[in-house]
Structures are given as structure tokens and as C-alpha cells.
C-alpha atoms as a PDB file:
ATOM      1  CA  ASN A   1     121.427 114.844  99.258  1.00  0.00           C
ATOM      2  CA  PHE A   2     121.060 116.707  96.002  1.00  0.00           C
ATOM      3  CA  THR A   3     118.480 118.483  93.880  1.00  0.00           C
ATOM      4  CA  LEU A   4     118.304 119.426  90.214  1.00  0.00           C
ATOM      5  CA  SER A   5     118.231 123.053  89.100  1.00  0.00           C
ATOM      6  CA  THR A   6     117.578 122.125  85.481  1.00  0.00           C
ATOM      7  CA  SER A   7     114.696 120.500  83.653  1.00  0.00           C
ATOM      8  CA  VAL A   8     116.631 119.270  80.621  1.00  0.00           C
ATOM      9  CA  ILE A   9     118.194 116.122  82.093  1.00  0.00           C
ATOM     10  CA  SER A  10     116.827 112.937  80.547  1.00  0.00           C
ATOM     11  CA  TYR A  11     118.893 110.186  82.229  1.00  0.00           C
ATOM     12  CA  ILE A  12     119.883 109.749  85.885  1.00  0.00           C
ATOM     13  CA  ASN A  13     121.910 106.843  87.240  1.00  0.00           C
ATOM     14  CA  ILE A  14     122.793 106.752  90.964  1.00  0.00           C
ATOM     15  CA  GLY A  15     123.223 102.988  91.062  1.00  0.00           C
ATOM     16  CA  TYR A  16     126.079 101.550  93.142  1.00  0.00           C
ATOM     17  CA  THR A  17     126.252 104.752  95.214  1.00  0.00           C
ATOM     18  CA  SER A  18     124.982 105.974  98.579  1.00  0.00           C
ATOM     19  CA  VAL A  19     123.401 109.082  97.096  1.00  0.00           C
ATOM     20  CA  SER A  20     119.832 109.717  98.233  1.00  0.00           C
ATOM     21  CA  ILE A  21     116.867 109.624  95.877  1.00  0.00           C
ATOM     22  CA  PRO A  22     116.222 113.239  94.833  1.00  0.00           C
ATOM     23  CA  SER A  23     112.848 114.824  94.273  1.00  0.00           C
ATOM     24  CA  LEU A  24     112.347 114.835  90.515  1.00  0.00           C
ATOM     25  CA  GLN A  25     108.823 116.184  90.418  1.00  0.00           C
ATOM     26  CA  ASN A  26     107.809 117.755  87.099  1.00  0.00           C
ATOM     27  CA  GLN A  27     111.050 116.800  85.344  1.00  0.00           C
ATOM     28  CA  THR A  28     109.320 116.659  81.974  1.00  0.00           C
ATOM     29  CA  ASN A  29     112.376 115.497  80.002  1.00  0.00           C
ATOM     30  CA  LEU A  30     113.410 112.669  82.322  1.00  0.00           C
ATOM     31  CA  THR A  31     113.127 109.315  80.542  1.00  0.00           C
ATOM     32  CA  ARG A  32     115.210 106.873  82.611  1.00  0.00           C
ATOM     33  CA  LEU A  33     115.984 106.597  86.310  1.00  0.00           C
ATOM     34  CA  TYR A  34     118.359 104.001  87.740  1.00  0.00           C
ATOM     35  CA  PHE A  35     119.152 103.484  91.421  1.00  0.00           C
ATOM     36  CA  HIS A  36     120.042  99.766  91.435  1.00  0.00           C
ATOM     37  CA  TYR A  37     122.285  98.624  94.305  1.00  0.00           C
ATOM     38  CA  ASN A  38     121.939 102.066  95.853  1.00  0.00           C
ATOM     39  CA  ARG A  39     122.888 101.842  99.533  1.00  0.00           C
ATOM     40  CA  ASN A  40     121.523 105.080 100.952  1.00  0.00           C
ATOM     41  CA  THR A  41     119.400 104.365 104.048  1.00  0.00           C
ATOM     42  CA  SER A  42     118.633 107.913 105.158  1.00  0.00           C
ATOM     43  CA  ILE A  43     115.188 109.489 105.480  1.00  0.00           C
ATOM     44  CA  ASN A  44     115.545 110.485 101.809  1.00  0.00           C
ATOM     45  CA  SER A  45     115.878 106.872 100.694  1.00  0.00           C
ATOM     46  CA  THR A  46     112.233 106.588  99.652  1.00  0.00           C
ATOM     47  CA  MET A  47     110.093 107.435  96.636  1.00  0.00           C
ATOM     48  CA  PHE A  48     108.253 110.058  98.714  1.00  0.00           C
ATOM     49  CA  ILE A  49     109.387 113.465  99.972  1.00  0.00           C
ATOM     50  CA  PRO A  50     109.923 113.149 103.744  1.00  0.00           C
ATOM     51  CA  GLY A  51     107.213 114.839 105.770  1.00  0.00           C
ATOM     52  CA  VAL A  52     104.655 114.985 102.948  1.00  0.00           C
ATOM     53  CA  ASN A  53     101.933 112.668 104.208  1.00  0.00           C
ATOM     54  CA  ASN A  54      99.908 112.351 101.033  1.00  0.00           C
ATOM     55  CA  ILE A  55     100.437 111.099  97.502  1.00  0.00           C
ATOM     56  CA  SER A  56     101.527 114.545  96.263  1.00  0.00           C
ATOM     57  CA  GLY A  57     104.852 113.704  97.884  1.00  0.00           C
ATOM     58  CA  TYR A  58     105.666 111.144  95.176  1.00  0.00           C
ATOM     59  CA  LYS A  59     109.122 112.172  93.984  1.00  0.00           C
ATOM     60  CA  PHE A  60     108.555 111.418  90.312  1.00  0.00           C
ATOM     61  CA  ILE A  61     105.119 112.960  89.890  1.00  0.00           C
ATOM     62  CA  ASN A  62     104.374 114.412  86.445  1.00  0.00           C
ATOM     63  CA  CYS A  63     107.543 113.080  84.829  1.00  0.00           C
ATOM     64  CA  GLY A  64     105.600 112.642  81.633  1.00  0.00           C
ATOM     65  CA  LYS A  65     108.369 111.019  79.576  1.00  0.00           C
ATOM     66  CA  LEU A  66     109.660 108.657  82.261  1.00  0.00           C
ATOM     67  CA  ASP A  67     110.073 105.236  80.639  1.00  0.00           C
ATOM     68  CA  ILE A  68     111.826 103.088  83.263  1.00  0.00           C
ATOM     69  CA  ILE A  69     112.381 103.096  87.032  1.00  0.00           C
ATOM     70  CA  TYR A  70     115.110 100.575  87.812  1.00  0.00           C
ATOM     71  CA  GLY A  71     115.711  99.935  91.502  1.00  0.00           C
ATOM     72  CA  TYR A  72     117.045  96.377  91.469  1.00  0.00           C
ATOM     73  CA  ASN A  73     118.532  95.346  94.847  1.00  0.00           C
ATOM     74  CA  SER A  74     118.560  98.876  96.240  1.00  0.00           C
ATOM     75  CA  SER A  75     118.064  99.970  99.845  1.00  0.00           C
ATOM     76  CA  VAL A  76     115.183 102.281  98.952  1.00  0.00           C
ATOM     77  CA  SER A  77     112.413 101.957 101.545  1.00  0.00           C
ATOM     78  CA  GLY A  78     108.788 102.943 102.009  1.00  0.00           C
ATOM     79  CA  TYR A  79     105.700 102.530  99.875  1.00  0.00           C
ATOM     80  CA  ILE A  80     105.055 101.718  96.247  1.00  0.00           C
ATOM     81  CA  PRO A  81     103.533 104.954  94.943  1.00  0.00           C
ATOM     82  CA  ARG A  82     100.657 105.701  92.650  1.00  0.00           C
ATOM     83  CA  PHE A  83     102.607 106.512  89.522  1.00  0.00           C
ATOM     84  CA  GLN A  84     100.930 109.874  88.924  1.00  0.00           C
ATOM     85  CA  GLY A  85     101.633 111.629  85.659  1.00  0.00           C
ATOM     86  CA  ASN A  86     103.977 108.899  84.398  1.00  0.00           C
ATOM     87  CA  LYS A  87     102.067 108.414  81.177  1.00  0.00           C
ATOM     88  CA  LYS A  88     105.005 106.900  79.292  1.00  0.00           C
ATOM     89  CA  LEU A  89     106.147 104.596  82.093  1.00  0.00           C
ATOM     90  CA  ARG A  90     106.799 101.190  80.547  1.00  0.00           C
ATOM     91  CA  GLN A  91     108.881  99.294  83.126  1.00  0.00           C
ATOM     92  CA  ILE A  92     109.429  99.178  86.884  1.00  0.00           C
ATOM     93  CA  ASP A  93     112.010  96.880  88.413  1.00  0.00           C
ATOM     94  CA  PHE A  94     111.703  96.573  92.195  1.00  0.00           C
ATOM     95  CA  ARG A  95     113.294  93.141  92.543  1.00  0.00           C
ATOM     96  CA  TYR A  96     115.007  92.507  95.889  1.00  0.00           C
ATOM     97  CA  MET A  97     114.091  95.940  97.224  1.00  0.00           C
ATOM     98  CA  ASN A  98     113.620  94.392 100.631  1.00  0.00           C
ATOM     99  CA  ARG A  99     112.949  97.608 102.546  1.00  0.00           C
ATOM    100  CA  LEU A 100     109.709  98.320 100.683  1.00  0.00           C
ATOM    101  CA  THR A 101     106.476  97.967 102.656  1.00  0.00           C
ATOM    102  CA  ALA A 102     102.803  97.779 101.834  1.00  0.00           C
ATOM    103  CA  GLY A 103     100.464 100.739 102.377  1.00  0.00           C
ATOM    104  CA  ARG A 104     100.368 104.270 100.989  1.00  0.00           C
ATOM    105  CA  PRO A 105      99.976 107.674 102.662  1.00  0.00           C
ATOM    106  CA  ASP A 106      96.481 108.276 101.246  1.00  0.00           C
ATOM    107  CA  LYS A 107      95.289 104.770 102.150  1.00  0.00           C
ATOM    108  CA  SER A 108      96.858 103.270 105.250  1.00  0.00           C
ATOM    109  CA  THR A 109     100.344 102.978 106.679  1.00  0.00           C
ATOM    110  CA  THR A 110      99.354 100.613 109.478  1.00  0.00           C
ATOM    111  CA  PRO A 111      99.917  96.879 108.984  1.00  0.00           C
ATOM    112  CA  GLY A 112      96.728  94.937 109.580  1.00  0.00           C
ATOM    113  CA  ASP A 113      94.338  97.707 108.516  1.00  0.00           C
ATOM    114  CA  PRO A 114      91.849  96.720 105.785  1.00  0.00           C
ATOM    115  CA  ASP A 115      93.291  99.438 103.534  1.00  0.00           C
ATOM    116  CA  TYR A 116      96.870  98.294 104.037  1.00  0.00           C
ATOM    117  CA  LYS A 117      97.562  96.800 100.603  1.00  0.00           C
ATOM    118  CA  ILE A 118     100.584  96.300  98.402  1.00  0.00           C
ATOM    119  CA  LEU A 119      99.045  97.390  95.092  1.00  0.00           C
ATOM    120  CA  TYR A 120      95.878  99.461  94.771  1.00  0.00           C
ATOM    121  CA  ASN A 121      93.381  99.709  91.933  1.00  0.00           C
ATOM    122  CA  ASP A 122      94.805 103.100  90.930  1.00  0.00           C
ATOM    123  CA  THR A 123      98.525 102.287  91.345  1.00  0.00           C
ATOM    124  CA  PHE A 124      99.206 101.980  87.616  1.00  0.00           C
ATOM    125  CA  GLN A 125      96.368 104.037  86.143  1.00  0.00           C
ATOM    126  CA  ASP A 126      98.585 106.814  84.710  1.00  0.00           C
ATOM    127  CA  THR A 127     101.019 104.408  83.026  1.00  0.00           C
ATOM    128  CA  ILE A 128     101.432 102.129  80.033  1.00  0.00           C
ATOM    129  CA  LEU A 129     103.359  99.512  81.982  1.00  0.00           C
ATOM    130  CA  GLN A 130     104.528  96.465  80.078  1.00  0.00           C
ATOM    131  CA  TYR A 131     107.006  95.040  82.599  1.00  0.00           C
ATOM    132  CA  ILE A 132     106.338  94.825  86.343  1.00  0.00           C
ATOM    133  CA  TYR A 133     109.038  93.200  88.469  1.00  0.00           C
ATOM    134  CA  ILE A 134     108.435  93.213  92.237  1.00  0.00           C
ATOM    135  CA  ILE A 135     110.274  90.886  94.632  1.00  0.00           C
ATOM    136  CA  VAL A 136     110.291  91.970  98.283  1.00  0.00           C
ATOM    137  CA  ASN A 137     111.180  90.091 101.457  1.00  0.00           C
ATOM    138  CA  ASN A 138     109.863  92.300 104.278  1.00  0.00           C
ATOM    139  CA  VAL A 139     107.533  91.422 107.170  1.00  0.00           C
ATOM    140  CA  ASN A 140     105.502  94.571 106.433  1.00  0.00           C
ATOM    141  CA  PHE A 141     105.028  93.702 102.778  1.00  0.00           C
ATOM    142  CA  THR A 142     101.579  92.258 103.456  1.00  0.00           C
ATOM    143  CA  GLY A 143      97.906  92.916 102.896  1.00  0.00           C
ATOM    144  CA  GLY A 144      97.183  91.589  99.439  1.00  0.00           C
ATOM    145  CA  LEU A 145      96.498  93.195  96.098  1.00  0.00           C
ATOM    146  CA  GLU A 146      93.332  95.121  95.301  1.00  0.00           C
ATOM    147  CA  PRO A 147      91.235  93.142  92.800  1.00  0.00           C
ATOM    148  CA  ASP A 148      91.483  95.528  89.846  1.00  0.00           C
ATOM    149  CA  CYS A 149      95.086  96.677  90.281  1.00  0.00           C
ATOM    150  CA  LEU A 150      95.995  95.376  86.801  1.00  0.00           C
ATOM    151  CA  GLN A 151      92.861  96.530  85.004  1.00  0.00           C
ATOM    152  CA  THR A 152      94.223  99.958  84.066  1.00  0.00           C
ATOM    153  CA  ILE A 153      97.036  98.353  82.024  1.00  0.00           C
ATOM    154  CA  THR A 154      95.160  95.538  80.291  1.00  0.00           C
ATOM    155  CA  ALA A 155      96.196  96.809  76.855  1.00  0.00           C
ATOM    156  CA  THR A 156      99.923  96.907  77.623  1.00  0.00           C
ATOM    157  CA  LEU A 157     100.954  94.461  80.372  1.00  0.00           C
ATOM    158  CA  TYR A 158     103.376  91.866  78.977  1.00  0.00           C
ATOM    159  CA  TYR A 159     105.369  90.564  81.971  1.00  0.00           C
ATOM    160  CA  PHE A 160     104.075  90.356  85.558  1.00  0.00           C
ATOM    161  CA  TYR A 161     106.580  89.102  88.142  1.00  0.00           C
ATOM    162  CA  PHE A 162     105.552  89.325  91.788  1.00  0.00           C
ATOM    163  CA  ILE A 163     107.007  87.564  94.864  1.00  0.00           C
ATOM    164  CA  SER A 164     106.317  88.397  98.520  1.00  0.00           C
ATOM    165  CA  TYR A 165     107.764  85.264 100.141  1.00  0.00           C
ATOM    166  CA  GLY A 166     104.393  84.111 101.456  1.00  0.00           C
ATOM    167  CA  ARG A 167     103.233  87.445 102.877  1.00  0.00           C
ATOM    168  CA  CYS A 168     100.759  88.568 100.212  1.00  0.00           C
ATOM    169  CA  GLY A 169      97.485  86.695 100.576  1.00  0.00           C
ATOM    170  CA  GLY A 170      93.926  86.861  99.398  1.00  0.00           C
ATOM    171  CA  ALA A 171      92.641  86.442  95.869  1.00  0.00           C
ATOM    172  CA  PHE A 172      94.784  86.940  92.814  1.00  0.00           C
ATOM    173  CA  PRO A 173      93.839  90.151  90.983  1.00  0.00           C
ATOM    174  CA  ASN A 174      91.428  90.205  88.068  1.00  0.00           C
ATOM    175  CA  THR A 175      93.202  89.099  84.878  1.00  0.00           C
ATOM    176  CA  SER A 176      90.378  89.662  82.401  1.00  0.00           C
ATOM    177  CA  GLY A 177      91.302  91.606  79.301  1.00  0.00           C
ATOM    178  CA  LEU A 178      95.071  91.108  79.601  1.00  0.00           C
ATOM    179  CA  GLY A 179      95.390  90.418  75.908  1.00  0.00           C
ATOM    180  CA  ASN A 180      99.142  91.022  75.673  1.00  0.00           C
ATOM    181  CA  LEU A 181     100.191  89.150  78.816  1.00  0.00           C
ATOM    182  CA  ARG A 182     103.021  86.759  77.985  1.00  0.00           C
ATOM    183  CA  TYR A 183     104.588  85.915  81.358  1.00  0.00           C
ATOM    184  CA  CYS A 184     102.777  85.542  84.682  1.00  0.00           C
ATOM    185  CA  ARG A 185     105.176  84.703  87.506  1.00  0.00           C
ATOM    186  CA  ALA A 186     103.653  84.957  90.982  1.00  0.00           C
ATOM    187  CA  GLN A 187     105.192  82.112  92.934  1.00  0.00           C
ATOM    188  CA  TYR A 188     106.070  82.153  96.648  1.00  0.00           C
ATOM    189  CA  ASN A 189     103.075  84.177  97.785  1.00  0.00           C
ATOM    190  CA  GLY A 190      99.999  83.295  99.834  1.00  0.00           C
ATOM    191  CA  PHE A 191      97.266  83.694  97.244  1.00  0.00           C
ATOM    192  CA  THR A 192      94.063  81.749  97.934  1.00  0.00           C
ATOM    193  CA  GLY A 193      90.879  80.883  96.084  1.00  0.00           C
ATOM    194  CA  GLN A 194      90.532  80.009  92.427  1.00  0.00           C
ATOM    195  CA  LEU A 195      93.418  80.058  90.010  1.00  0.00           C
ATOM    196  CA  PRO A 196      93.451  83.194  87.845  1.00  0.00           C
ATOM    197  CA  ALA A 197      91.608  82.781  84.571  1.00  0.00           C
ATOM    198  CA  LEU A 198      93.979  83.608  81.734  1.00  0.00           C
ATOM    199  CA  GLY A 199      91.636  82.730  78.889  1.00  0.00           C
ATOM    200  CA  SER A 200      91.648  86.331  77.675  1.00  0.00           C
ATOM    201  CA  SER A 201      95.459  86.219  77.337  1.00  0.00           C
ATOM    202  CA  PRO A 202      95.901  84.389  74.004  1.00  0.00           C
ATOM    203  CA  ASN A 203      99.634  85.137  73.933  1.00  0.00           C
ATOM    204  CA  ILE A 204     100.380  83.630  77.350  1.00  0.00           C
ATOM    205  CA  TYR A 205     103.593  81.621  77.235  1.00  0.00           C
ATOM    206  CA  TYR A 206     104.846  81.100  80.785  1.00  0.00           C
ATOM    207  CA  ILE A 207     102.879  80.724  84.026  1.00  0.00           C
ATOM    208  CA  ASP A 208     104.348  80.009  87.465  1.00  0.00           C
ATOM    209  CA  LEU A 209     101.894  80.123  90.355  1.00  0.00           C
ATOM    210  CA  SER A 210     103.673  77.581  92.525  1.00  0.00           C
ATOM    211  CA  THR A 211     103.920  77.819  96.312  1.00  0.00           C
ATOM    212  CA  ASN A 212     100.548  79.490  96.827  1.00  0.00           C
ATOM    213  CA  GLU A 213      97.295  78.198  98.347  1.00  0.00           C
ATOM    214  CA  PHE A 214      95.037  78.065  95.312  1.00  0.00           C
ATOM    215  CA  THR A 215      92.169  75.569  95.205  1.00  0.00           C
ATOM    216  CA  GLY A 216      89.921  74.176  92.514  1.00  0.00           C
ATOM    217  CA  ASP A 217      90.488  72.761  89.074  1.00  0.00           C
ATOM    218  CA  ILE A 218      92.887  73.678  86.296  1.00  0.00           C
ATOM    219  CA  SER A 219      91.147  74.236  82.989  1.00  0.00           C
ATOM    220  CA  TYR A 220      92.929  74.739  79.710  1.00  0.00           C
ATOM    221  CA  ASN A 221      91.627  75.482  76.229  1.00  0.00           C
ATOM    222  CA  GLY A 222      94.345  75.034  73.638  1.00  0.00           C
END
């Protein structure tokens, strides 16, 4: 375990190590955080401070310059946080972080509860996310996405990549107003209902919604 006794550090890389994820709350100069292929599996291998059972335990709260959180193929576990105070956050990469679960301390941490979701309507509200990469293979990565989870980043979202290996069901989130969306990759889930309407995304280039349970017609206006 380690902590920082300085607030001037802007770049942290603990990828390819077994070092635990430190609490970086209020690190106002931090811009980039990498923990890809990190193999720490202790109680500190989460994005929340152990024992803090509310969203104030988010380890990167109020990192106002944080631009990227890169956790590709790491052993980090626990919940996807509400990215509080990350007003410059542009990219998260949680691909193959297979110890992540749905839920959140202020919502529900019990699989099967109505409030046990993967992404909530306020998850991204303090960010300017352009790139969202989430691929998780975990039996507790269930519960669906809240309908307006993308609506706080309609002006910025460019690339949405989400795979739950059939465990995320329900309706696809509201895509209205996503004017900059270029890539929508959400294959291998369990989404049901109508296909998402991407008519308000004039720059859309690539769509993959295969291996879901959508119904209805495909409409296209070129």
C-alpha cells in the first residue's frame, strides 16, 4: 500500500505491478492514471476506500484535471463509481476488468435489487467523457443501465464500447442528443426492446449491436 504526501504529481502508472490503488482524493494536478494489468487483489484493489460505505469513498474524487483512467485487464474489483469532481475526465478504459460488479454504495450492492445497476443516470455527470470502454465478464455484472446514463455527456461522447457477455439486460439507454457519437459497440449483452434510435447522431460511423435480443424494425435515413 502507499499514499501520496504531495499534490504536485500529474502522472501515475502502476500498471504491470501488484501495487494497490491508492486514495488520490483531491489531487488537483493529477491528469493521468494507469493501472493496466495490475495484479493486486487485496482489499485496496478497488476504486473506493475500504470501509467507506458511501460515494464519498471514491478514491479519485475532486481530481479536477484527471483526463484518463486506464485500467485495461487489471484485477481491480468493486463498483464503477460516480466520477465526482472529474470535470476534465475524457476517457475511461475498463476493458477486461473482470472483477468489477454492478451496484454502488449509495444505491444497492445486492444483486437482484431494483437499484442494482451497472451505470446510473448520474455516473458521468461531472465529466466530459468522449471514450467509454467497458468489457466485464463477471456473474455480478448485471442489472442493466439506467435510461439516461449517457444524457449528461451528449455533447462529448464519441466512442461507446460496452460488453457484459449477456448479463446486462433491459432497454438500451436513451441516445437522443448524442451529436458527436461516432462508434456504438454494444454487442454480447442482453438488451431487449427497440433498437436505439441514432438519428440525432449525424456523425455515426460504426454500429455493432449484435448478440442482443432487440425486436422491431431497422430504419435508416441516409
